[in-house]
Structure formats: C-alpha cells, structure tokens
Amino acid sequence: MAEKNKYHTGEVVRIKETNELVTINKWQYVKNMKAYSYTVKEHSATFYFEDEFAANN
C-alpha cells in the first residue's frame, strides 16, 4: 500500500507558526483522527500534524 502522508523521515520542513526549519524524525497515522502525526528532531517531545507544516521550497 502506498503511503499517503505528505512528509517523510529526514525531510526538512518549516513549522508555520514559528517559521522554524525542522527535520522530520518519525511519522505515523492516527486512525481515530484520520490524520498523520509527526515528531521532529529539534522538538522530540512534541508532535505535529501535516497542516502545521509548510514545505521548505
């Protein structure tokens, strides 16, 4: 099955709220929320959802 998440491990993304560049550490699908959650290396105790990131283009 193909993954449908927008970001992948090792990818550098920007947190929209803080404009900080971070690196995706881990991701998983949260079934009851029907959304992907992510942890980042720079803030390993916090999780984020896809809509909180902007691609680093």
C-alpha atoms as a PDB file:
ATOM      1  CA  MET A   1       0.000   0.000   0.000  1.00  0.00           C
ATOM      2  CA  ALA A   2       1.356   3.401  -0.945  1.00  0.00           C
ATOM      3  CA  GLU A   3       1.829   5.895   1.837  1.00  0.00           C
ATOM      4  CA  LYS A   4      -0.397   8.942   1.623  1.00  0.00           C
ATOM      5  CA  ASN A   5       1.422  11.145   4.094  1.00  0.00           C
ATOM      6  CA  LYS A   6       2.813  14.412   2.795  1.00  0.00           C
ATOM      7  CA  TYR A   7       6.193  14.398   4.597  1.00  0.00           C
ATOM      8  CA  HIS A   8       8.751  11.652   5.197  1.00  0.00           C
ATOM      9  CA  THR A   9      11.565  10.846   7.643  1.00  0.00           C
ATOM     10  CA  GLY A  10      14.618  13.042   7.082  1.00  0.00           C
ATOM     11  CA  GLU A  11      12.713  15.723   5.182  1.00  0.00           C
ATOM     12  CA  VAL A  12      13.272  19.349   6.218  1.00  0.00           C
ATOM     13  CA  VAL A  13      10.050  21.320   6.667  1.00  0.00           C
ATOM     14  CA  ARG A  14       9.026  24.659   8.150  1.00  0.00           C
ATOM     15  CA  ILE A  15       6.714  24.989  11.166  1.00  0.00           C
ATOM     16  CA  LYS A  16       4.145  27.569  10.038  1.00  0.00           C
ATOM     17  CA  GLU A  17       3.598  29.143  13.456  1.00  0.00           C
ATOM     18  CA  THR A  18       7.265  29.785  14.267  1.00  0.00           C
ATOM     19  CA  ASN A  19       8.801  29.776  10.757  1.00  0.00           C
ATOM     20  CA  GLU A  20      11.457  27.377  12.132  1.00  0.00           C
ATOM     21  CA  LEU A  21      13.105  24.783   9.896  1.00  0.00           C
ATOM     22  CA  VAL A  22      12.935  21.274  11.392  1.00  0.00           C
ATOM     23  CA  THR A  23      13.717  17.711  10.304  1.00  0.00           C
ATOM     24  CA  ILE A  24      11.035  15.004  10.360  1.00  0.00           C
ATOM     25  CA  ASN A  25      12.123  12.302  12.796  1.00  0.00           C
ATOM     26  CA  LYS A  26       9.145   9.936  12.731  1.00  0.00           C
ATOM     27  CA  TRP A  27       5.592   9.850  11.428  1.00  0.00           C
ATOM     28  CA  GLN A  28       2.520   7.711  11.982  1.00  0.00           C
ATOM     29  CA  TYR A  29      -1.136   7.560  11.023  1.00  0.00           C
ATOM     30  CA  VAL A  30      -3.553   8.337  13.866  1.00  0.00           C
ATOM     31  CA  LYS A  31      -6.562   6.242  12.917  1.00  0.00           C
ATOM     32  CA  ASN A  32      -9.184   7.821  15.194  1.00  0.00           C
ATOM     33  CA  MET A  33      -8.240  11.319  13.972  1.00  0.00           C
ATOM     34  CA  LYS A  34      -7.746  10.203  10.349  1.00  0.00           C
ATOM     35  CA  ALA A  35      -4.545  12.239  10.156  1.00  0.00           C
ATOM     36  CA  TYR A  36      -0.770  11.803  10.109  1.00  0.00           C
ATOM     37  CA  SER A  37       1.255  12.968  13.094  1.00  0.00           C
ATOM     38  CA  TYR A  38       4.952  13.767  13.061  1.00  0.00           C
ATOM     39  CA  THR A  39       7.780  14.237  15.548  1.00  0.00           C
ATOM     40  CA  VAL A  40      10.787  16.349  14.642  1.00  0.00           C
ATOM     41  CA  LYS A  41      14.399  16.031  15.763  1.00  0.00           C
ATOM     42  CA  GLU A  42      14.522  19.553  17.166  1.00  0.00           C
ATOM     43  CA  HIS A  43      11.441  19.098  19.419  1.00  0.00           C
ATOM     44  CA  SER A  44      11.239  15.360  20.015  1.00  0.00           C
ATOM     45  CA  ALA A  45       8.677  15.576  22.842  1.00  0.00           C
ATOM     46  CA  THR A  46       6.134  17.429  20.685  1.00  0.00           C
ATOM     47  CA  PHE A  47       4.057  16.062  17.839  1.00  0.00           C
ATOM     48  CA  TYR A  48       2.674  17.987  14.881  1.00  0.00           C
ATOM     49  CA  PHE A  49       0.060  17.393  12.197  1.00  0.00           C
ATOM     50  CA  GLU A  50       0.569  17.971   8.464  1.00  0.00           C
ATOM     51  CA  ASP A  51      -1.352  21.238   8.398  1.00  0.00           C
ATOM     52  CA  GLU A  52       1.162  22.741  10.858  1.00  0.00           C
ATOM     53  CA  PHE A  53       3.996  22.408   8.335  1.00  0.00           C
ATOM     54  CA  ALA A  54       4.930  24.183   5.136  1.00  0.00           C
ATOM     55  CA  ALA A  55       7.201  22.524   2.603  1.00  0.00           C
ATOM     56  CA  ASN A  56      10.673  24.039   2.581  1.00  0.00           C
ATOM     57  CA  ASN A  57      10.777  25.251  -1.031  1.00  0.00           C
END
